Amino acid sequence: MSFTPELVAELELLSLFNLGNTQEGLKVHHVAAPEAIAAAKRLHAKGLVTQEDGGYLTSLGLDAAEHAQGLLTILKVAETA
């Protein structure tokens, strides 16, 4: 399995969620990049966010966002080492 542009767009959205405050959601506006709009819809269809335009993370979405943000942290630390 490889990272497709669609998966990367979904990971980018998941990385924007504030894991320190689960009551804080995201809104992907209609003027956002088409890739972001489509990624939000896919995340909703997968049950990771509560709304087609973002919303809040579901419990599964919280797990996914934690993993996505953890991976980014690991990769960024590895870059600077």
Protein backbone atom coordinates (compact mmCIF):
# COMPACT_ATOMS: atom_id res chain seq x y z
CA MET A 1 0.00 0.00 0.00
CA SER A 2 1.31 3.46 -0.85
CA PHE A 3 0.31 6.99 0.06
CA THR A 4 -2.01 8.25 -2.66
CA PRO A 5 -2.75 11.97 -3.05
CA GLU A 6 -6.20 11.28 -1.56
CA LEU A 7 -4.74 9.64 1.55
CA VAL A 8 -2.23 12.46 1.96
CA ALA A 9 -5.06 15.01 1.83
CA GLU A 10 -6.94 13.05 4.51
CA LEU A 11 -3.82 12.86 6.68
CA GLU A 12 -3.30 16.59 6.27
CA LEU A 13 -6.82 17.27 7.54
CA LEU A 14 -6.38 14.89 10.46
CA SER A 15 -3.17 16.69 11.38
CA LEU A 16 -5.09 19.97 11.76
CA PHE A 17 -7.28 18.77 14.63
CA ASN A 18 -6.36 20.01 18.09
CA LEU A 19 -5.85 16.84 20.11
CA GLY A 20 -5.65 18.87 23.30
CA ASN A 21 -9.30 19.92 22.99
CA THR A 22 -11.72 17.39 21.55
CA GLN A 23 -14.51 19.99 21.70
CA GLU A 24 -12.72 21.93 18.96
CA GLY A 25 -13.61 20.87 15.44
CA LEU A 26 -12.76 21.89 11.89
CA LYS A 27 -14.87 23.48 9.19
CA VAL A 28 -13.80 22.99 5.57
CA HIS A 29 -15.44 25.90 3.77
CA HIS A 30 -16.80 25.70 0.23
CA VAL A 31 -13.97 27.98 -0.95
CA ALA A 32 -11.28 25.60 0.35
CA ALA A 33 -9.09 23.64 -2.03
CA PRO A 34 -11.12 20.95 -3.82
CA GLU A 35 -8.75 18.32 -2.42
CA ALA A 36 -9.55 19.39 1.15
CA ILE A 37 -13.29 19.40 0.51
CA ALA A 38 -13.13 15.91 -0.99
CA ALA A 39 -10.90 14.67 1.85
CA ALA A 40 -13.39 15.90 4.46
CA LYS A 41 -16.20 14.07 2.66
CA ARG A 42 -14.14 10.86 2.56
CA LEU A 43 -13.26 11.15 6.26
CA HIS A 44 -16.97 11.53 7.02
CA ALA A 45 -17.85 8.52 4.86
CA LYS A 46 -15.22 6.50 6.75
CA GLY A 47 -16.73 7.52 10.08
CA LEU A 48 -13.77 9.61 11.24
CA VAL A 49 -15.52 13.01 11.43
CA THR A 50 -19.09 13.95 12.28
CA GLN A 51 -19.91 16.14 9.27
CA GLU A 52 -19.16 16.11 5.54
CA ASP A 53 -17.42 19.47 5.92
CA GLY A 54 -15.37 18.42 8.94
CA GLY A 55 -17.03 18.83 12.29
CA TYR A 56 -15.65 16.90 15.23
CA LEU A 57 -13.58 13.77 15.41
CA THR A 58 -15.41 10.55 16.20
CA SER A 59 -13.70 8.13 18.59
CA LEU A 60 -12.24 6.33 15.57
CA GLY A 61 -11.23 9.69 14.10
CA LEU A 62 -9.49 10.64 17.33
CA ASP A 63 -7.44 7.43 17.14
CA ALA A 64 -6.58 8.15 13.50
CA ALA A 65 -5.64 11.78 14.22
CA GLU A 66 -3.42 10.71 17.14
CA HIS A 67 -1.62 8.23 14.89
CA ALA A 68 -1.30 10.72 12.01
CA GLN A 69 0.04 13.47 14.25
CA GLY A 70 2.36 11.03 16.02
CA LEU A 71 3.80 9.92 12.69
CA LEU A 72 4.37 13.52 11.66
CA THR A 73 6.19 14.18 14.92
CA ILE A 74 8.41 11.13 14.44
CA LEU A 75 9.24 12.08 10.86
CA LYS A 76 9.98 15.71 11.74
CA VAL A 77 12.27 14.69 14.59
CA ALA A 78 14.06 12.27 12.26
CA GLU A 79 14.55 15.12 9.76
CA THR A 80 16.39 17.27 12.29
CA ALA A 81 18.56 14.46 13.66
